[in-house]
Amino acid sequence: MNELEDRIVEMLKTIYDPEIPVDIFELGLIYEVKIESDHHVFIDMTLTSPNCPVAESLPKEVEDKVATVEGVQSAKVNIVFDPPWDKDMMSEEAKLELGFL
């Protein structure tokens, strides 16, 4: 499973919030990636705010792109707002890219 999870994370790193020049994984928007034994993938993710302009399109993009990863049968995104996202959830790389370090 680790190899499949690595490929999923690599795909997540190709998806960007259009308002922030950092991928959604490094931004800390992905809370959990669950891979079932039948290779159906469930992703808990959040948005930078509940009023995010891409609230409709970004989860669909994540589902569509993760579903193309070799070995994935399907992908489903669950949007959660608990805990609320804040900049402390970003990776060091993202913080550096955005000038927070």
N, C-alpha and C. Protein backbone atom coordinates (compact mmCIF):
# COMPACT_ATOMS: atom_id res chain seq x y z
N MET A 1 0.81 -1.21 0.00
CA MET A 1 0.00 0.00 0.00
C MET A 1 0.85 1.27 0.00
N ASN A 2 2.02 1.21 0.61
CA ASN A 2 2.84 2.42 0.70
C ASN A 2 3.20 2.97 -0.67
N GLU A 3 3.48 2.08 -1.62
CA GLU A 3 3.83 2.54 -2.97
C GLU A 3 2.64 3.25 -3.61
N LEU A 4 1.45 2.71 -3.43
CA LEU A 4 0.25 3.35 -3.97
C LEU A 4 0.01 4.69 -3.29
N GLU A 5 0.18 4.73 -2.00
CA GLU A 5 0.00 5.99 -1.28
C GLU A 5 1.01 7.03 -1.76
N ASP A 6 2.24 6.62 -1.99
CA ASP A 6 3.27 7.54 -2.50
C ASP A 6 2.86 8.10 -3.86
N ARG A 7 2.31 7.25 -4.73
CA ARG A 7 1.87 7.72 -6.05
C ARG A 7 0.69 8.69 -5.92
N ILE A 8 -0.19 8.42 -4.97
CA ILE A 8 -1.33 9.33 -4.74
C ILE A 8 -0.82 10.68 -4.24
N VAL A 9 0.10 10.67 -3.31
CA VAL A 9 0.66 11.93 -2.79
C VAL A 9 1.36 12.70 -3.90
N GLU A 10 2.09 12.00 -4.74
CA GLU A 10 2.75 12.68 -5.87
C GLU A 10 1.72 13.36 -6.77
N MET A 11 0.59 12.70 -7.00
CA MET A 11 -0.47 13.30 -7.81
C MET A 11 -1.06 14.51 -7.08
N LEU A 12 -1.28 14.39 -5.79
CA LEU A 12 -1.82 15.52 -5.01
C LEU A 12 -0.90 16.73 -5.10
N LYS A 13 0.38 16.49 -5.21
CA LYS A 13 1.35 17.58 -5.30
C LYS A 13 1.33 18.28 -6.65
N THR A 14 0.52 17.79 -7.59
CA THR A 14 0.39 18.46 -8.89
C THR A 14 -0.84 19.35 -8.94
N ILE A 15 -1.60 19.38 -7.84
CA ILE A 15 -2.85 20.14 -7.79
C ILE A 15 -2.64 21.39 -6.94
N TYR A 16 -2.98 22.53 -7.50
CA TYR A 16 -2.73 23.81 -6.83
C TYR A 16 -4.03 24.54 -6.55
N ASP A 17 -4.06 25.20 -5.40
CA ASP A 17 -5.12 26.16 -5.12
C ASP A 17 -4.82 27.32 -6.06
N PRO A 18 -5.76 27.74 -6.91
CA PRO A 18 -5.45 28.76 -7.92
C PRO A 18 -5.06 30.12 -7.35
N GLU A 19 -5.36 30.36 -6.09
CA GLU A 19 -5.02 31.66 -5.50
C GLU A 19 -3.68 31.64 -4.79
N ILE A 20 -3.12 30.45 -4.57
CA ILE A 20 -1.87 30.32 -3.82
C ILE A 20 -0.91 29.45 -4.63
N PRO A 21 0.29 29.92 -4.88
CA PRO A 21 1.22 29.17 -5.75
C PRO A 21 1.92 28.00 -5.06
N VAL A 22 1.16 27.23 -4.28
CA VAL A 22 1.69 26.06 -3.58
C VAL A 22 0.67 24.94 -3.74
N ASP A 23 1.16 23.70 -3.90
CA ASP A 23 0.22 22.58 -4.09
C ASP A 23 -0.59 22.30 -2.83
N ILE A 24 -1.73 21.64 -3.01
CA ILE A 24 -2.66 21.43 -1.90
C ILE A 24 -2.10 20.52 -0.82
N PHE A 25 -1.17 19.63 -1.16
CA PHE A 25 -0.57 18.75 -0.16
C PHE A 25 0.34 19.55 0.75
N GLU A 26 1.22 20.35 0.16
CA GLU A 26 2.16 21.16 0.95
C GLU A 26 1.44 22.26 1.73
N LEU A 27 0.28 22.70 1.21
CA LEU A 27 -0.52 23.69 1.94
C LEU A 27 -1.15 23.10 3.19
N GLY A 28 -1.19 21.79 3.28
CA GLY A 28 -1.80 21.15 4.44
C GLY A 28 -3.30 20.98 4.30
N LEU A 29 -3.80 21.03 3.06
CA LEU A 29 -5.24 20.87 2.84
C LEU A 29 -5.68 19.41 2.87
N ILE A 30 -4.74 18.49 2.74
CA ILE A 30 -5.07 17.06 2.77
C ILE A 30 -4.88 16.57 4.19
N TYR A 31 -5.99 16.16 4.81
CA TYR A 31 -5.93 15.69 6.20
C TYR A 31 -5.67 14.19 6.29
N GLU A 32 -6.25 13.43 5.37
CA GLU A 32 -6.07 11.98 5.44
C GLU A 32 -6.33 11.35 4.07
N VAL A 33 -5.52 10.35 3.75
CA VAL A 33 -5.73 9.53 2.56
C VAL A 33 -5.92 8.10 3.05
N LYS A 34 -7.11 7.56 2.81
CA LYS A 34 -7.43 6.19 3.22
C LYS A 34 -7.55 5.33 1.97
N ILE A 35 -6.80 4.24 1.95
CA ILE A 35 -6.85 3.33 0.82
C ILE A 35 -7.42 2.01 1.33
N GLU A 36 -8.58 1.63 0.80
CA GLU A 36 -9.19 0.37 1.20
C GLU A 36 -8.51 -0.78 0.47
N SER A 37 -8.73 -1.99 0.96
CA SER A 37 -8.07 -3.16 0.38
C SER A 37 -8.42 -3.36 -1.09
N ASP A 38 -9.58 -2.85 -1.51
CA ASP A 38 -9.98 -2.98 -2.91
C ASP A 38 -9.51 -1.78 -3.75
N HIS A 39 -8.64 -0.95 -3.16
CA HIS A 39 -7.99 0.20 -3.81
C HIS A 39 -8.94 1.35 -4.12
N HIS A 40 -10.04 1.41 -3.38
CA HIS A 40 -10.88 2.61 -3.42
C HIS A 40 -10.26 3.59 -2.43
N VAL A 41 -10.12 4.84 -2.85
CA VAL A 41 -9.41 5.84 -2.06
C VAL A 41 -10.40 6.88 -1.54
N PHE A 42 -10.27 7.18 -0.25
CA PHE A 42 -11.09 8.20 0.38
C PHE A 42 -10.16 9.25 0.96
N ILE A 43 -10.41 10.51 0.60
CA ILE A 43 -9.53 11.60 1.01
C ILE A 43 -10.32 12.62 1.82
N ASP A 44 -9.84 12.89 3.02
CA ASP A 44 -10.39 13.99 3.82
C ASP A 44 -9.53 15.20 3.53
N MET A 45 -10.17 16.25 3.07
CA MET A 45 -9.42 17.48 2.80
C MET A 45 -10.24 18.67 3.24
N THR A 46 -9.58 19.79 3.36
CA THR A 46 -10.25 21.03 3.72
C THR A 46 -9.93 22.07 2.67
N LEU A 47 -10.47 23.24 2.85
CA LEU A 47 -10.20 24.38 1.99
C LEU A 47 -9.63 25.49 2.86
N THR A 48 -8.99 26.45 2.24
CA THR A 48 -8.40 27.53 3.04
C THR A 48 -9.46 28.35 3.75
N SER A 49 -10.69 28.33 3.22
CA SER A 49 -11.82 28.96 3.91
C SER A 49 -13.11 28.32 3.39
N PRO A 50 -14.17 28.34 4.20
CA PRO A 50 -15.44 27.77 3.73
C PRO A 50 -15.99 28.49 2.51
N ASN A 51 -15.59 29.73 2.30
CA ASN A 51 -16.07 30.52 1.16
C ASN A 51 -15.09 30.49 -0.01
N CYS A 52 -14.19 29.52 -0.01
CA CYS A 52 -13.18 29.40 -1.06
C CYS A 52 -13.86 29.36 -2.43
N PRO A 53 -13.38 30.18 -3.38
CA PRO A 53 -14.02 30.22 -4.70
C PRO A 53 -13.93 28.91 -5.48
N VAL A 54 -13.04 28.01 -5.10
CA VAL A 54 -12.92 26.73 -5.81
C VAL A 54 -13.53 25.58 -5.00
N ALA A 55 -14.43 25.91 -4.08
CA ALA A 55 -15.05 24.88 -3.23
C ALA A 55 -15.76 23.81 -4.04
N GLU A 56 -16.27 24.17 -5.20
CA GLU A 56 -16.96 23.19 -6.05
C GLU A 56 -15.98 22.43 -6.94
N SER A 57 -15.05 23.15 -7.53
CA SER A 57 -14.19 22.53 -8.55
C SER A 57 -12.97 21.80 -7.99
N LEU A 58 -12.38 22.27 -6.91
CA LEU A 58 -11.14 21.66 -6.41
C LEU A 58 -11.35 20.22 -5.94
N PRO A 59 -12.38 19.92 -5.14
CA PRO A 59 -12.57 18.51 -4.74
C PRO A 59 -12.77 17.59 -5.95
N LYS A 60 -13.49 18.05 -6.94
CA LYS A 60 -13.72 17.25 -8.16
C LYS A 60 -12.40 17.02 -8.89
N GLU A 61 -11.56 18.05 -8.96
CA GLU A 61 -10.24 17.89 -9.59
C GLU A 61 -9.41 16.86 -8.84
N VAL A 62 -9.44 16.91 -7.51
CA VAL A 62 -8.70 15.93 -6.71
C VAL A 62 -9.21 14.52 -6.99
N GLU A 63 -10.52 14.34 -6.98
CA GLU A 63 -11.08 13.02 -7.27
C GLU A 63 -10.67 12.53 -8.65
N ASP A 64 -10.82 13.39 -9.64
CA ASP A 64 -10.51 12.99 -11.02
C ASP A 64 -9.04 12.62 -11.19
N LYS A 65 -8.15 13.43 -10.63
CA LYS A 65 -6.71 13.16 -10.82
C LYS A 65 -6.25 11.94 -10.02
N VAL A 66 -6.72 11.80 -8.79
CA VAL A 66 -6.32 10.63 -7.99
C VAL A 66 -6.85 9.35 -8.63
N ALA A 67 -8.03 9.41 -9.23
CA ALA A 67 -8.61 8.23 -9.88
C ALA A 67 -7.77 7.76 -11.06
N THR A 68 -6.93 8.64 -11.62
CA THR A 68 -6.08 8.24 -12.74
C THR A 68 -4.78 7.56 -12.30
N VAL A 69 -4.48 7.58 -11.01
CA VAL A 69 -3.24 6.97 -10.51
C VAL A 69 -3.34 5.45 -10.71
N GLU A 70 -2.28 4.87 -11.25
CA GLU A 70 -2.26 3.44 -11.49
C GLU A 70 -2.51 2.68 -10.20
N GLY A 71 -3.48 1.77 -10.23
CA GLY A 71 -3.80 0.97 -9.05
C GLY A 71 -5.00 1.48 -8.26
N VAL A 72 -5.44 2.70 -8.53
CA VAL A 72 -6.60 3.26 -7.83
C VAL A 72 -7.87 2.86 -8.59
N GLN A 73 -8.83 2.31 -7.87
CA GLN A 73 -10.11 1.92 -8.48
C GLN A 73 -11.06 3.12 -8.57
N SER A 74 -11.09 3.93 -7.51
CA SER A 74 -11.93 5.12 -7.48
C SER A 74 -11.40 6.05 -6.40
N ALA A 75 -11.82 7.31 -6.47
CA ALA A 75 -11.40 8.29 -5.47
C ALA A 75 -12.59 9.13 -5.07
N LYS A 76 -12.73 9.35 -3.79
CA LYS A 76 -13.82 10.16 -3.26
C LYS A 76 -13.24 11.14 -2.24
N VAL A 77 -13.62 12.42 -2.40
CA VAL A 77 -13.15 13.47 -1.48
C VAL A 77 -14.27 13.83 -0.52
N ASN A 78 -13.91 13.92 0.74
CA ASN A 78 -14.81 14.39 1.78
C ASN A 78 -14.24 15.72 2.29
N ILE A 79 -15.01 16.79 2.11
CA ILE A 79 -14.56 18.10 2.59
C ILE A 79 -14.91 18.23 4.07
N VAL A 80 -13.91 18.59 4.87
CA VAL A 80 -14.10 18.77 6.30
C VAL A 80 -13.55 20.14 6.71
N PHE A 81 -14.12 20.69 7.74
CA PHE A 81 -13.63 21.98 8.25
C PHE A 81 -13.24 21.89 9.72
N ASP A 82 -13.06 20.66 10.20
CA ASP A 82 -12.63 20.46 11.58
C ASP A 82 -11.45 19.51 11.57
N PRO A 83 -10.27 19.94 11.92
CA PRO A 83 -9.98 21.29 12.42
C PRO A 83 -9.93 22.30 11.27
N PRO A 84 -10.22 23.55 11.59
CA PRO A 84 -10.12 24.59 10.56
C PRO A 84 -8.67 24.73 10.08
N TRP A 85 -8.51 24.99 8.80
CA TRP A 85 -7.16 25.16 8.25
C TRP A 85 -6.58 26.48 8.72
N ASP A 86 -5.28 26.48 9.00
CA ASP A 86 -4.55 27.74 9.19
C ASP A 86 -3.13 27.54 8.67
N LYS A 87 -2.41 28.64 8.56
CA LYS A 87 -1.09 28.58 7.91
C LYS A 87 -0.09 27.69 8.64
N ASP A 88 -0.33 27.38 9.90
CA ASP A 88 0.57 26.49 10.63
C ASP A 88 0.52 25.06 10.10
N MET A 89 -0.49 24.74 9.30
CA MET A 89 -0.62 23.39 8.73
C MET A 89 0.24 23.22 7.48
N MET A 90 0.79 24.30 6.98
CA MET A 90 1.62 24.22 5.78
C MET A 90 2.96 23.58 6.10
N SER A 91 3.53 22.93 5.11
CA SER A 91 4.87 22.37 5.26
C SER A 91 5.88 23.51 5.33
N GLU A 92 7.07 23.20 5.79
CA GLU A 92 8.15 24.20 5.82
C GLU A 92 8.41 24.73 4.42
N GLU A 93 8.35 23.83 3.43
CA GLU A 93 8.59 24.21 2.03
C GLU A 93 7.55 25.27 1.58
N ALA A 94 6.29 25.02 1.94
CA ALA A 94 5.23 25.96 1.55
C ALA A 94 5.41 27.31 2.26
N LYS A 95 5.74 27.26 3.54
CA LYS A 95 5.96 28.49 4.30
C LYS A 95 7.10 29.30 3.71
N LEU A 96 8.16 28.62 3.30
CA LEU A 96 9.30 29.28 2.68
C LEU A 96 8.89 29.89 1.36
N GLU A 97 8.16 29.14 0.53
CA GLU A 97 7.71 29.61 -0.78
C GLU A 97 6.85 30.87 -0.66
N LEU A 98 6.03 30.92 0.39
CA LEU A 98 5.11 32.05 0.57
C LEU A 98 5.68 33.16 1.44
N GLY A 99 6.93 33.01 1.87
CA GLY A 99 7.59 34.06 2.64
C GLY A 99 7.23 34.12 4.09
N PHE A 100 6.75 33.01 4.66
CA PHE A 100 6.42 32.97 6.07
C PHE A 100 7.63 32.59 6.93
N LEU A 101 8.74 32.21 6.32
CA LEU A 101 9.95 31.84 7.07
C LEU A 101 11.07 32.82 6.76
